[in-house]
C-alpha atoms as a PDB file:
ATOM      1  CA  MET A   1     102.108 118.792 106.449  1.00  0.00           C
ATOM      2  CA  LEU A   2     105.628 117.572 107.171  1.00  0.00           C
ATOM      3  CA  GLY A   3     104.300 115.622 110.146  1.00  0.00           C
ATOM      4  CA  ILE A   4     101.655 113.936 107.989  1.00  0.00           C
ATOM      5  CA  LEU A   5     104.222 113.011 105.324  1.00  0.00           C
ATOM      6  CA  SER A   6     106.579 111.602 107.955  1.00  0.00           C
ATOM      7  CA  ALA A   7     103.805 109.623 109.649  1.00  0.00           C
ATOM      8  CA  GLY A   8     102.602 108.376 106.273  1.00  0.00           C
ATOM      9  CA  ILE A   9     105.992 107.258 104.972  1.00  0.00           C
ATOM     10  CA  ALA A  10     107.693 105.925 108.125  1.00  0.00           C
ATOM     11  CA  PRO A  11     105.723 102.654 108.636  1.00  0.00           C
ATOM     12  CA  GLY A  12     106.191 101.558 105.026  1.00  0.00           C
ATOM     13  CA  LEU A  13     109.910 102.279 105.003  1.00  0.00           C
ATOM     14  CA  ALA A  14     110.387 100.550 108.366  1.00  0.00           C
ATOM     15  CA  LEU A  15     108.638  97.382 107.189  1.00  0.00           C
ATOM     16  CA  LEU A  16     110.432  97.408 103.833  1.00  0.00           C
ATOM     17  CA  SER A  17     113.782  97.783 105.612  1.00  0.00           C
ATOM     18  CA  TYR A  18     112.935  94.820 107.826  1.00  0.00           C
ATOM     19  CA  PHE A  19     112.186  92.480 104.927  1.00  0.00           C
ATOM     20  CA  TYR A  20     115.079  93.856 102.864  1.00  0.00           C
ATOM     21  CA  LEU A  21     117.591  93.175 105.644  1.00  0.00           C
ATOM     22  CA  LYS A  22     116.321  89.596 105.940  1.00  0.00           C
ATOM     23  CA  ASP A  23     117.939  88.905 102.555  1.00  0.00           C
ATOM     24  CA  GLN A  24     121.069  87.260 103.894  1.00  0.00           C
ATOM     25  CA  TYR A  25     122.799  86.095 100.709  1.00  0.00           C
ATOM     26  CA  GLU A  26     122.824  88.818  98.060  1.00  0.00           C
ATOM     27  CA  SER A  27     120.990  92.057  98.784  1.00  0.00           C
ATOM     28  CA  GLU A  28     118.970  93.582  95.975  1.00  0.00           C
ATOM     29  CA  PRO A  29     120.096  96.856  94.359  1.00  0.00           C
ATOM     30  CA  ILE A  30     118.568  99.766  96.269  1.00  0.00           C
ATOM     31  CA  SER A  31     117.725 101.470  92.962  1.00  0.00           C
ATOM     32  CA  MET A  32     115.639  98.486  91.809  1.00  0.00           C
ATOM     33  CA  VAL A  33     113.849  98.186  95.155  1.00  0.00           C
ATOM     34  CA  PHE A  34     113.088 101.917  95.097  1.00  0.00           C
ATOM     35  CA  LYS A  35     111.807 101.685  91.505  1.00  0.00           C
ATOM     36  CA  THR A  36     109.461  98.857  92.507  1.00  0.00           C
ATOM     37  CA  PHE A  37     108.320 100.889  95.543  1.00  0.00           C
ATOM     38  CA  LEU A  38     107.634 103.859  93.247  1.00  0.00           C
ATOM     39  CA  PHE A  39     105.651 101.694  90.797  1.00  0.00           C
ATOM     40  CA  GLY A  40     103.522 100.547  93.728  1.00  0.00           C
ATOM     41  CA  ALA A  41     102.935 104.133  94.855  1.00  0.00           C
ATOM     42  CA  LEU A  42     101.845 105.206  91.363  1.00  0.00           C
ATOM     43  CA  LEU A  43      99.265 102.394  91.271  1.00  0.00           C
ATOM     44  CA  VAL A  44      97.179 104.369  93.767  1.00  0.00           C
ATOM     45  CA  PHE A  45      95.941 106.728  91.033  1.00  0.00           C
ATOM     46  CA  PRO A  46      94.447 104.273  88.505  1.00  0.00           C
ATOM     47  CA  ILE A  47      93.084 102.088  91.304  1.00  0.00           C
ATOM     48  CA  MET A  48      91.397 105.009  93.062  1.00  0.00           C
ATOM     49  CA  PHE A  49      89.873 106.107  89.745  1.00  0.00           C
ATOM     50  CA  ILE A  50      88.468 102.634  89.003  1.00  0.00           C
ATOM     51  CA  GLN A  51      87.131 102.319  92.551  1.00  0.00           C
ATOM     52  CA  TYR A  52      85.445 105.711  92.201  1.00  0.00           C
ATOM     53  CA  VAL A  53      83.783 104.638  88.935  1.00  0.00           C
ATOM     54  CA  LEU A  54      82.611 101.334  90.445  1.00  0.00           C
ATOM     55  CA  GLU A  55      81.110 103.180  93.407  1.00  0.00           C
ATOM     56  CA  THR A  56      79.395 105.951  91.432  1.00  0.00           C
ATOM     57  CA  GLU A  57      77.972 103.497  88.876  1.00  0.00           C
ATOM     58  CA  GLY A  58      76.478 101.403  91.679  1.00  0.00           C
ATOM     59  CA  VAL A  59      78.363  98.256  90.709  1.00  0.00           C
ATOM     60  CA  LEU A  60      79.167  97.407  94.324  1.00  0.00           C
ATOM     61  CA  GLN A  61      75.853  96.212  95.721  1.00  0.00           C
ATOM     62  CA  SER A  62      77.149  94.369  98.777  1.00  0.00           C
ATOM     63  CA  SER A  63      79.942  94.377 101.338  1.00  0.00           C
ATOM     64  CA  LEU A  64      81.208  91.137  99.827  1.00  0.00           C
ATOM     65  CA  MET A  65      81.614  92.705  96.377  1.00  0.00           C
ATOM     66  CA  ASP A  66      83.174  95.806  97.869  1.00  0.00           C
ATOM     67  CA  ALA A  67      85.718  93.770  99.823  1.00  0.00           C
ATOM     68  CA  PHE A  68      86.643  91.196  97.183  1.00  0.00           C
ATOM     69  CA  LEU A  69      86.177  93.151  93.938  1.00  0.00           C
ATOM     70  CA  SER A  70      86.766  96.856  94.547  1.00  0.00           C
ATOM     71  CA  SER A  71      89.530  96.462  97.111  1.00  0.00           C
ATOM     72  CA  SER A  72      91.108  93.033  97.004  1.00  0.00           C
ATOM     73  CA  LEU A  73      90.992  92.010  93.334  1.00  0.00           C
ATOM     74  CA  LEU A  74      91.833  95.443  91.940  1.00  0.00           C
ATOM     75  CA  GLU A  75      94.711  96.167  94.303  1.00  0.00           C
ATOM     76  CA  GLU A  76      96.266  92.705  94.335  1.00  0.00           C
ATOM     77  CA  PHE A  77      95.966  92.258  90.562  1.00  0.00           C
ATOM     78  CA  PHE A  78      97.701  95.547  89.802  1.00  0.00           C
ATOM     79  CA  LYS A  79     100.480  94.789  92.290  1.00  0.00           C
ATOM     80  CA  TRP A  80     100.848  91.267  90.881  1.00  0.00           C
ATOM     81  CA  PHE A  81     100.940  92.677  87.336  1.00  0.00           C
ATOM     82  CA  ILE A  82     103.850  94.972  88.223  1.00  0.00           C
ATOM     83  CA  LEU A  83     105.684  92.171  90.006  1.00  0.00           C
ATOM     84  CA  PHE A  84     105.196  89.599  87.253  1.00  0.00           C
ATOM     85  CA  TYR A  85     105.749  91.764  84.172  1.00  0.00           C
ATOM     86  CA  THR A  86     108.535  94.075  85.365  1.00  0.00           C
ATOM     87  CA  ILE A  87     110.423  92.091  88.025  1.00  0.00           C
ATOM     88  CA  TYR A  88     109.938  88.378  87.322  1.00  0.00           C
ATOM     89  CA  GLN A  89     112.329  88.215  84.347  1.00  0.00           C
ATOM     90  CA  HIS A  90     114.735  90.874  85.620  1.00  0.00           C
ATOM     91  CA  ILE A  91     118.375  89.868  86.088  1.00  0.00           C
ATOM     92  CA  THR A  92     118.383  91.054  89.705  1.00  0.00           C
ATOM     93  CA  PHE A  93     115.688  88.497  90.609  1.00  0.00           C
ATOM     94  CA  ASP A  94     118.207  85.696  91.035  1.00  0.00           C
ATOM     95  CA  GLU A  95     117.132  83.816  94.186  1.00  0.00           C
ATOM     96  CA  PRO A  96     113.770  82.813  95.757  1.00  0.00           C
ATOM     97  CA  TYR A  97     113.892  85.338  98.622  1.00  0.00           C
ATOM     98  CA  ASP A  98     114.114  88.213  96.121  1.00  0.00           C
ATOM     99  CA  GLY A  99     110.415  87.676  95.407  1.00  0.00           C
ATOM    100  CA  ILE A 100     109.645  88.671  98.990  1.00  0.00           C
ATOM    101  CA  VAL A 101     111.771  91.817  98.774  1.00  0.00           C
ATOM    102  CA  TYR A 102     110.091  92.981  95.572  1.00  0.00           C
ATOM    103  CA  GLY A 103     106.625  91.830  96.646  1.00  0.00           C
ATOM    104  CA  ALA A 104     106.918  93.791  99.881  1.00  0.00           C
ATOM    105  CA  SER A 105     108.333  96.758  97.977  1.00  0.00           C
ATOM    106  CA  VAL A 106     105.501  97.121  95.459  1.00  0.00           C
ATOM    107  CA  SER A 107     102.873  96.532  98.166  1.00  0.00           C
ATOM    108  CA  LEU A 108     104.421  99.013 100.579  1.00  0.00           C
ATOM    109  CA  GLY A 109     104.788 101.605  97.826  1.00  0.00           C
ATOM    110  CA  PHE A 110     101.043 101.357  97.277  1.00  0.00           C
ATOM    111  CA  ALA A 111     100.281 101.287 101.017  1.00  0.00           C
ATOM    112  CA  THR A 112     102.502 104.312 101.687  1.00  0.00           C
ATOM    113  CA  ALA A 113     100.893 106.494  99.001  1.00  0.00           C
ATOM    114  CA  GLU A 114      97.429 105.413 100.148  1.00  0.00           C
ATOM    115  CA  ASN A 115      98.403 106.093 103.769  1.00  0.00           C
ATOM    116  CA  ILE A 116      99.494 109.647 102.981  1.00  0.00           C
ATOM    117  CA  PHE A 117      96.175 110.391 101.225  1.00  0.00           C
ATOM    118  CA  TYR A 118      94.186 109.018 104.165  1.00  0.00           C
ATOM    119  CA  LEU A 119      96.188 110.965 106.736  1.00  0.00           C
ATOM    120  CA  VAL A 120      95.795 114.189 104.749  1.00  0.00           C
ATOM    121  CA  ALA A 121      92.031 113.606 104.695  1.00  0.00           C
ATOM    122  CA  LEU A 122      91.507 112.267 108.219  1.00  0.00           C
ATOM    123  CA  GLY A 123      94.372 113.688 110.268  1.00  0.00           C
ATOM    124  CA  VAL A 124      97.651 112.479 111.715  1.00  0.00           C
ATOM    125  CA  GLU A 125      95.895 111.063 114.809  1.00  0.00           C
ATOM    126  CA  HIS A 126      94.965 108.026 112.659  1.00  0.00           C
ATOM    127  CA  ALA A 127      98.613 107.249 111.863  1.00  0.00           C
ATOM    128  CA  LEU A 128      99.112 104.518 114.485  1.00  0.00           C
ATOM    129  CA  GLY A 129      95.964 102.612 113.579  1.00  0.00           C
ATOM    130  CA  ARG A 130      96.804 102.726 109.879  1.00  0.00           C
ATOM    131  CA  ALA A 131     100.370 101.584 110.526  1.00  0.00           C
ATOM    132  CA  LEU A 132      99.142  98.577 112.526  1.00  0.00           C
ATOM    133  CA  LEU A 133      96.402  97.522 110.105  1.00  0.00           C
ATOM    134  CA  PRO A 134      96.389  98.709 106.458  1.00  0.00           C
ATOM    135  CA  VAL A 135     100.139  99.282 106.019  1.00  0.00           C
ATOM    136  CA  SER A 136     101.277  96.097 107.748  1.00  0.00           C
ATOM    137  CA  SER A 137      98.566  93.995 106.062  1.00  0.00           C
ATOM    138  CA  HIS A 138      99.633  95.264 102.623  1.00  0.00           C
ATOM    139  CA  ALA A 139     103.220  94.381 103.493  1.00  0.00           C
ATOM    140  CA  LEU A 140     102.205  90.833 104.403  1.00  0.00           C
ATOM    141  CA  PHE A 141     100.061  90.404 101.289  1.00  0.00           C
ATOM    142  CA  GLY A 142     103.142  91.455  99.311  1.00  0.00           C
ATOM    143  CA  VAL A 143     105.393  89.044 101.200  1.00  0.00           C
ATOM    144  CA  ILE A 144     103.037  86.149 100.467  1.00  0.00           C
ATOM    145  CA  MET A 145     102.698  87.186  96.817  1.00  0.00           C
ATOM    146  CA  GLY A 146     106.473  87.473  96.485  1.00  0.00           C
ATOM    147  CA  TYR A 147     107.031  84.102  98.135  1.00  0.00           C
ATOM    148  CA  TYR A 148     104.930  82.311  95.520  1.00  0.00           C
ATOM    149  CA  ILE A 149     106.420  84.378  92.665  1.00  0.00           C
ATOM    150  CA  GLY A 150     109.884  83.300  93.837  1.00  0.00           C
ATOM    151  CA  LYS A 151     108.772  79.707  94.235  1.00  0.00           C
ATOM    152  CA  GLY A 152     107.312  79.764  90.731  1.00  0.00           C
ATOM    153  CA  LYS A 153     110.454  81.178  89.154  1.00  0.00           C
ATOM    154  CA  PHE A 154     112.908  78.782  90.796  1.00  0.00           C
ATOM    155  CA  SER A 155     110.863  75.579  90.965  1.00  0.00           C
ATOM    156  CA  ALA A 156     111.603  72.916  88.382  1.00  0.00           C
ATOM    157  CA  THR A 157     107.935  71.889  88.274  1.00  0.00           C
ATOM    158  CA  SER A 158     104.465  73.395  88.872  1.00  0.00           C
ATOM    159  CA  THR A 159     105.580  76.894  87.870  1.00  0.00           C
ATOM    160  CA  LYS A 160     102.104  77.898  86.654  1.00  0.00           C
ATOM    161  CA  LYS A 161     100.520  76.673  89.883  1.00  0.00           C
ATOM    162  CA  TRP A 162     102.805  78.798  92.066  1.00  0.00           C
ATOM    163  CA  ILE A 163     102.324  81.851  89.837  1.00  0.00           C
ATOM    164  CA  ALA A 164      98.549  81.400  90.121  1.00  0.00           C
ATOM    165  CA  PHE A 165      98.904  81.075  93.902  1.00  0.00           C
ATOM    166  CA  SER A 166     100.913  84.321  93.958  1.00  0.00           C
ATOM    167  CA  LEU A 167      97.755  86.177  92.900  1.00  0.00           C
ATOM    168  CA  PHE A 168      95.019  84.016  94.407  1.00  0.00           C
ATOM    169  CA  ILE A 169      96.297  83.708  98.007  1.00  0.00           C
ATOM    170  CA  PRO A 170      96.877  87.482  98.549  1.00  0.00           C
ATOM    171  CA  PHE A 171      93.531  88.183  96.835  1.00  0.00           C
ATOM    172  CA  LEU A 172      91.751  85.793  99.205  1.00  0.00           C
ATOM    173  CA  LEU A 173      93.467  87.096 102.346  1.00  0.00           C
ATOM    174  CA  HIS A 174      92.977  90.733 101.344  1.00  0.00           C
ATOM    175  CA  GLY A 175      89.289  90.095 100.638  1.00  0.00           C
ATOM    176  CA  ILE A 176      88.797  88.485 104.044  1.00  0.00           C
ATOM    177  CA  TYR A 177      90.640  91.392 105.698  1.00  0.00           C
ATOM    178  CA  ASP A 178      88.428  94.008 104.016  1.00  0.00           C
ATOM    179  CA  TYR A 179      85.237  92.048 104.606  1.00  0.00           C
ATOM    180  CA  ILE A 180      85.997  91.905 108.346  1.00  0.00           C
ATOM    181  CA  LEU A 181      86.737  95.628 108.351  1.00  0.00           C
ATOM    182  CA  ILE A 182      83.694  96.906 106.465  1.00  0.00           C
ATOM    183  CA  SER A 183      80.916  94.468 107.312  1.00  0.00           C
ATOM    184  CA  LEU A 184      81.310  93.254 110.898  1.00  0.00           C
ATOM    185  CA  LYS A 185      80.007  95.400 113.747  1.00  0.00           C
ATOM    186  CA  HIS A 186      82.593  94.267 116.300  1.00  0.00           C
ATOM    187  CA  TRP A 187      85.346  93.860 113.708  1.00  0.00           C
ATOM    188  CA  ILE A 188      88.224  94.438 116.124  1.00  0.00           C
ATOM    189  CA  PHE A 189      87.578  91.095 117.877  1.00  0.00           C
ATOM    190  CA  ILE A 190      87.952  89.227 114.571  1.00  0.00           C
ATOM    191  CA  MET A 191      90.670  91.451 113.118  1.00  0.00           C
ATOM    192  CA  PHE A 192      93.067  90.967 116.022  1.00  0.00           C
ATOM    193  CA  PRO A 193      93.391  87.157 115.641  1.00  0.00           C
ATOM    194  CA  PHE A 194      93.332  87.514 111.840  1.00  0.00           C
ATOM    195  CA  MET A 195      96.319  89.904 111.936  1.00  0.00           C
ATOM    196  CA  ILE A 196      98.185  87.501 114.251  1.00  0.00           C
ATOM    197  CA  PHE A 197      97.531  84.726 111.727  1.00  0.00           C
ATOM    198  CA  LEU A 198      98.654  86.989 108.869  1.00  0.00           C
ATOM    199  CA  TRP A 199     101.935  87.835 110.617  1.00  0.00           C
ATOM    200  CA  TRP A 200     102.516  84.165 111.436  1.00  0.00           C
ATOM    201  CA  LEU A 201     101.906  83.190 107.811  1.00  0.00           C
ATOM    202  CA  GLY A 202     104.048  86.006 106.417  1.00  0.00           C
ATOM    203  CA  LEU A 203     107.015  85.300 108.698  1.00  0.00           C
ATOM    204  CA  ARG A 204     106.696  81.593 107.930  1.00  0.00           C
ATOM    205  CA  LYS A 205     106.980  82.401 104.224  1.00  0.00           C
ATOM    206  CA  VAL A 206     110.044  84.543 104.958  1.00  0.00           C
ATOM    207  CA  LYS A 207     111.696  81.639 106.762  1.00  0.00           C
ATOM    208  CA  LYS A 208     110.863  79.182 103.983  1.00  0.00           C
ATOM    209  CA  ALA A 209     112.036  81.578 101.254  1.00  0.00           C
ATOM    210  CA  ARG A 210     115.376  82.017 103.013  1.00  0.00           C
ATOM    211  CA  ALA A 211     115.757  78.231 103.144  1.00  0.00           C
ATOM    212  CA  HIS A 212     114.904  77.999  99.423  1.00  0.00           C
ATOM    213  CA  SER A 213     117.502  80.676  98.692  1.00  0.00           C
ATOM    214  CA  LEU A 214     120.156  78.756 100.632  1.00  0.00           C
ATOM    215  CA  ASN A 215     119.382  75.600  98.645  1.00  0.00           C
ATOM    216  CA  HIS A 216     119.450  77.588  95.394  1.00  0.00           C
ATOM    217  CA  MET A 217     122.830  79.140  96.243  1.00  0.00           C
ATOM    218  CA  ASN A 218     124.277  75.727  97.160  1.00  0.00           C
ATOM    219  CA  ASN A 219     123.021  74.251  93.898  1.00  0.00           C
ATOM    220  CA  GLN A 220     124.519  77.131  91.923  1.00  0.00           C
ATOM    221  CA  PHE A 221     127.834  76.701  93.735  1.00  0.00           C
ATOM    222  CA  ASP A 222     127.859  72.948  93.045  1.00  0.00           C
ATOM    223  CA  LEU A 223     127.055  73.559  89.373  1.00  0.00           C
ATOM    224  CA  GLN A 224     129.865  76.089  88.982  1.00  0.00           C
ATOM    225  CA  LYS A 225     132.285  73.744  90.725  1.00  0.00           C
ATOM    226  CA  THR A 226     131.290  70.939  88.358  1.00  0.00           C
ATOM    227  CA  LEU A 227     131.707  73.157  85.271  1.00  0.00           C
ATOM    228  CA  HIS A 228     135.195  74.235  86.358  1.00  0.00           C
ATOM    229  CA  SER A 229     136.429  70.824  87.404  1.00  0.00           C
END
């Protein structure tokens, strides 16, 4: 059991540490990051219940509905809800890159709890495959969500557009990911280039968010200098 817990938790913590350490200007409080991670983990229970109801009631009549409704919309909406209503207005969210830290945190909390349940059910021999696909994809959906949340909070214009993007883009990508996984016979040949694209997009958002944070910090410094001059 200890081996399963370790294998289930390690990928999520490793990825979260990576994105956390990319915050080069003002690191987020560990307690707040952990709280967000925990919120994400707790989301597993209501989401699994709703998915069970949808399946038993026969609502999901096609692979497309399964991928985009049961998995993508439910999971990304709940993660977005936590991010927007508990983190967005919080005092610790004070630069654009923080959105990526908290987005990755809530997503990896969910992915880690889900990963543990799957490994308990299927066995620890599935740990590597789950680390490479479900856990890392959730991390990247969270990074992209957090990027647009941060952009929405610190942009002078188009705030509503970026907030809408913060839900829609991860929903779309997650739906495509699940549709490839559950409906295509030779899914691995499509999934491999899709995951490369997802990592490219996620790391690009990390780079852009860091640049936005630098500009934000410079603007704040200039404003303080003006106020004290």
